[in-house]
Amino acid sequence: MDIGAGGFPTPPYYAVIFTSRRTADDVDYAVTAQRMAELAADVPGFLGIDSVRQGPELGITVSYWRSMESIAAWRSHAEHKIARDTGRDRWYEAFEVHVAKVERSYRFTLPET
């Protein structure tokens, strides 16, 4: 496997984009989010994750995967299923999931002076 920008493999690979609006319920959210990141990292084909939040409501998390099979393995993970159900019941007002194939990738880093 060739490694490209930022330690990711040379495309193509896949991005799962999770955009969410949260409820006011914060109980166990941060702990569960950390646990999901740790578990995902152990799934073969996991490449990395980026996550940002604007205020308490809007969040965007992008996870990167080598294949559609690795995404399916993560989706069927038992603890991930429980977290998804809890999210629907308590933590999310709304969310969207988009799966995209990354055809090209590059990176810029400001040179040190």
C-alpha atoms as a PDB file:
ATOM      1  CA  MET A   1       0.000   0.000   0.000  1.00  0.00           C
ATOM      2  CA  ASP A   2       1.467   3.377  -1.018  1.00  0.00           C
ATOM      3  CA  ILE A   3       1.331   6.096   1.640  1.00  0.00           C
ATOM      4  CA  GLY A   4       0.380   9.592   0.489  1.00  0.00           C
ATOM      5  CA  ALA A   5      -0.310  12.972   2.092  1.00  0.00           C
ATOM      6  CA  GLY A   6      -0.698  13.060   5.848  1.00  0.00           C
ATOM      7  CA  GLY A   7       0.081   9.378   6.277  1.00  0.00           C
ATOM      8  CA  PHE A   8      -3.017   8.312   4.354  1.00  0.00           C
ATOM      9  CA  PRO A   9      -2.667   5.771   1.581  1.00  0.00           C
ATOM     10  CA  THR A  10      -2.566   6.946  -1.976  1.00  0.00           C
ATOM     11  CA  PRO A  11      -6.181   7.356  -3.154  1.00  0.00           C
ATOM     12  CA  PRO A  12      -8.634   5.950  -3.731  1.00  0.00           C
ATOM     13  CA  TYR A  13      -9.952   5.424  -0.214  1.00  0.00           C
ATOM     14  CA  TYR A  14     -13.243   6.350   1.469  1.00  0.00           C
ATOM     15  CA  ALA A  15     -14.483   9.094   3.769  1.00  0.00           C
ATOM     16  CA  VAL A  16     -17.546   8.757   5.999  1.00  0.00           C
ATOM     17  CA  ILE A  17     -18.816  12.247   6.801  1.00  0.00           C
ATOM     18  CA  PHE A  18     -21.053  12.484   9.869  1.00  0.00           C
ATOM     19  CA  THR A  19     -22.706  15.883  10.394  1.00  0.00           C
ATOM     20  CA  SER A  20     -24.811  16.248  13.522  1.00  0.00           C
ATOM     21  CA  ARG A  21     -26.881  18.635  15.584  1.00  0.00           C
ATOM     22  CA  ARG A  22     -26.786  17.732  19.268  1.00  0.00           C
ATOM     23  CA  THR A  23     -29.423  17.873  21.955  1.00  0.00           C
ATOM     24  CA  ALA A  24     -28.689  19.349  25.396  1.00  0.00           C
ATOM     25  CA  ASP A  25     -28.074  15.833  26.819  1.00  0.00           C
ATOM     26  CA  ASP A  26     -24.324  15.535  27.455  1.00  0.00           C
ATOM     27  CA  VAL A  27     -24.395  12.556  29.813  1.00  0.00           C
ATOM     28  CA  ASP A  28     -21.661  10.114  28.724  1.00  0.00           C
ATOM     29  CA  TYR A  29     -21.350  11.702  25.267  1.00  0.00           C
ATOM     30  CA  ALA A  30     -17.641  12.616  25.456  1.00  0.00           C
ATOM     31  CA  VAL A  31     -16.698   9.265  26.997  1.00  0.00           C
ATOM     32  CA  THR A  32     -18.604   7.387  24.309  1.00  0.00           C
ATOM     33  CA  ALA A  33     -17.127   9.502  21.492  1.00  0.00           C
ATOM     34  CA  GLN A  34     -13.613   8.762  22.771  1.00  0.00           C
ATOM     35  CA  ARG A  35     -14.413   5.063  23.060  1.00  0.00           C
ATOM     36  CA  MET A  36     -15.760   4.963  19.487  1.00  0.00           C
ATOM     37  CA  ALA A  37     -12.547   6.578  18.177  1.00  0.00           C
ATOM     38  CA  GLU A  38     -10.481   3.962  20.031  1.00  0.00           C
ATOM     39  CA  LEU A  39     -12.596   1.070  18.750  1.00  0.00           C
ATOM     40  CA  ALA A  40     -12.627   2.339  15.162  1.00  0.00           C
ATOM     41  CA  ALA A  41      -8.828   2.510  15.216  1.00  0.00           C
ATOM     42  CA  ASP A  42      -8.759  -1.254  15.811  1.00  0.00           C
ATOM     43  CA  VAL A  43     -10.921  -2.072  12.773  1.00  0.00           C
ATOM     44  CA  PRO A  44      -8.800  -3.277   9.829  1.00  0.00           C
ATOM     45  CA  GLY A  45      -8.909  -0.618   7.110  1.00  0.00           C
ATOM     46  CA  PHE A  46      -9.347   2.351   9.456  1.00  0.00           C
ATOM     47  CA  LEU A  47      -7.092   5.212   8.318  1.00  0.00           C
ATOM     48  CA  GLY A  48      -7.897   8.125  10.620  1.00  0.00           C
ATOM     49  CA  ILE A  49     -10.459  10.600  11.877  1.00  0.00           C
ATOM     50  CA  ASP A  50     -11.005  14.375  11.915  1.00  0.00           C
ATOM     51  CA  SER A  51     -13.652  15.995  14.100  1.00  0.00           C
ATOM     52  CA  VAL A  52     -14.782  19.571  14.744  1.00  0.00           C
ATOM     53  CA  ARG A  53     -17.625  21.127  16.668  1.00  0.00           C
ATOM     54  CA  GLN A  54     -19.073  24.634  16.364  1.00  0.00           C
ATOM     55  CA  GLY A  55     -20.628  25.450  19.694  1.00  0.00           C
ATOM     56  CA  PRO A  56     -22.611  22.810  21.514  1.00  0.00           C
ATOM     57  CA  GLU A  57     -24.877  21.970  18.576  1.00  0.00           C
ATOM     58  CA  LEU A  58     -23.138  21.484  15.195  1.00  0.00           C
ATOM     59  CA  GLY A  59     -20.460  18.827  14.717  1.00  0.00           C
ATOM     60  CA  ILE A  60     -18.692  17.269  11.750  1.00  0.00           C
ATOM     61  CA  THR A  61     -16.685  14.067  12.025  1.00  0.00           C
ATOM     62  CA  VAL A  62     -14.938  12.518   9.042  1.00  0.00           C
ATOM     63  CA  SER A  63     -13.532   9.024   9.324  1.00  0.00           C
ATOM     64  CA  TYR A  64     -11.306   7.582   6.605  1.00  0.00           C
ATOM     65  CA  TRP A  65     -11.331   3.964   5.459  1.00  0.00           C
ATOM     66  CA  ARG A  66      -9.411   1.787   3.012  1.00  0.00           C
ATOM     67  CA  SER A  67     -12.524   0.046   1.613  1.00  0.00           C
ATOM     68  CA  MET A  68     -16.284  -0.253   1.718  1.00  0.00           C
ATOM     69  CA  GLU A  69     -15.760  -3.587   3.508  1.00  0.00           C
ATOM     70  CA  SER A  70     -13.914  -1.857   6.345  1.00  0.00           C
ATOM     71  CA  ILE A  71     -16.771   0.660   6.648  1.00  0.00           C
ATOM     72  CA  ALA A  72     -19.251  -2.226   6.808  1.00  0.00           C
ATOM     73  CA  ALA A  73     -17.172  -3.919   9.519  1.00  0.00           C
ATOM     74  CA  TRP A  74     -17.274  -0.722  11.603  1.00  0.00           C
ATOM     75  CA  ARG A  75     -21.002  -0.287  11.030  1.00  0.00           C
ATOM     76  CA  SER A  76     -21.654  -3.823  12.303  1.00  0.00           C
ATOM     77  CA  HIS A  77     -19.416  -3.497  15.403  1.00  0.00           C
ATOM     78  CA  ALA A  78     -21.572  -4.330  18.452  1.00  0.00           C
ATOM     79  CA  GLU A  79     -20.476  -1.375  20.639  1.00  0.00           C
ATOM     80  CA  HIS A  80     -20.844   1.012  17.710  1.00  0.00           C
ATOM     81  CA  LYS A  81     -24.439  -0.198  17.229  1.00  0.00           C
ATOM     82  CA  ILE A  82     -25.202   0.579  20.889  1.00  0.00           C
ATOM     83  CA  ALA A  83     -23.654   4.054  20.567  1.00  0.00           C
ATOM     84  CA  ARG A  84     -25.690   4.751  17.407  1.00  0.00           C
ATOM     85  CA  ASP A  85     -28.911   3.746  19.171  1.00  0.00           C
ATOM     86  CA  THR A  86     -28.054   5.908  22.179  1.00  0.00           C
ATOM     87  CA  GLY A  87     -27.275   8.795  19.847  1.00  0.00           C
ATOM     88  CA  ARG A  88     -30.694   8.533  18.217  1.00  0.00           C
ATOM     89  CA  ASP A  89     -32.410   8.257  21.600  1.00  0.00           C
ATOM     90  CA  ARG A  90     -30.516  10.960  23.515  1.00  0.00           C
ATOM     91  CA  TRP A  91     -27.657  12.894  21.926  1.00  0.00           C
ATOM     92  CA  TYR A  92     -28.744  13.915  18.430  1.00  0.00           C
ATOM     93  CA  GLU A  93     -31.492  16.198  17.271  1.00  0.00           C
ATOM     94  CA  ALA A  94     -30.548  15.337  13.685  1.00  0.00           C
ATOM     95  CA  PHE A  95     -27.645  13.889  11.720  1.00  0.00           C
ATOM     96  CA  GLU A  96     -26.573  13.049   8.189  1.00  0.00           C
ATOM     97  CA  VAL A  97     -24.073  10.473   6.976  1.00  0.00           C
ATOM     98  CA  HIS A  98     -22.348  10.689   3.601  1.00  0.00           C
ATOM     99  CA  VAL A  99     -19.941   8.090   2.236  1.00  0.00           C
ATOM    100  CA  ALA A 100     -17.568   9.376  -0.430  1.00  0.00           C
ATOM    101  CA  LYS A 101     -14.749   7.877  -2.440  1.00  0.00           C
ATOM    102  CA  VAL A 102     -11.604  10.008  -2.212  1.00  0.00           C
ATOM    103  CA  GLU A 103     -10.031  10.178  -5.658  1.00  0.00           C
ATOM    104  CA  ARG A 104      -7.371  12.790  -4.907  1.00  0.00           C
ATOM    105  CA  SER A 105      -5.764  14.095  -1.748  1.00  0.00           C
ATOM    106  CA  TYR A 106      -3.048  16.607  -0.934  1.00  0.00           C
ATOM    107  CA  ARG A 107      -1.752  18.558   2.045  1.00  0.00           C
ATOM    108  CA  PHE A 108      -0.157  21.922   2.784  1.00  0.00           C
ATOM    109  CA  THR A 109       1.886  22.755   5.851  1.00  0.00           C
ATOM    110  CA  LEU A 110       3.382  26.209   6.414  1.00  0.00           C
ATOM    111  CA  PRO A 111       7.162  25.847   6.382  1.00  0.00           C
ATOM    112  CA  GLU A 112       8.996  26.500   9.607  1.00  0.00           C
ATOM    113  CA  THR A 113      10.939  29.755   9.654  1.00  0.00           C
END
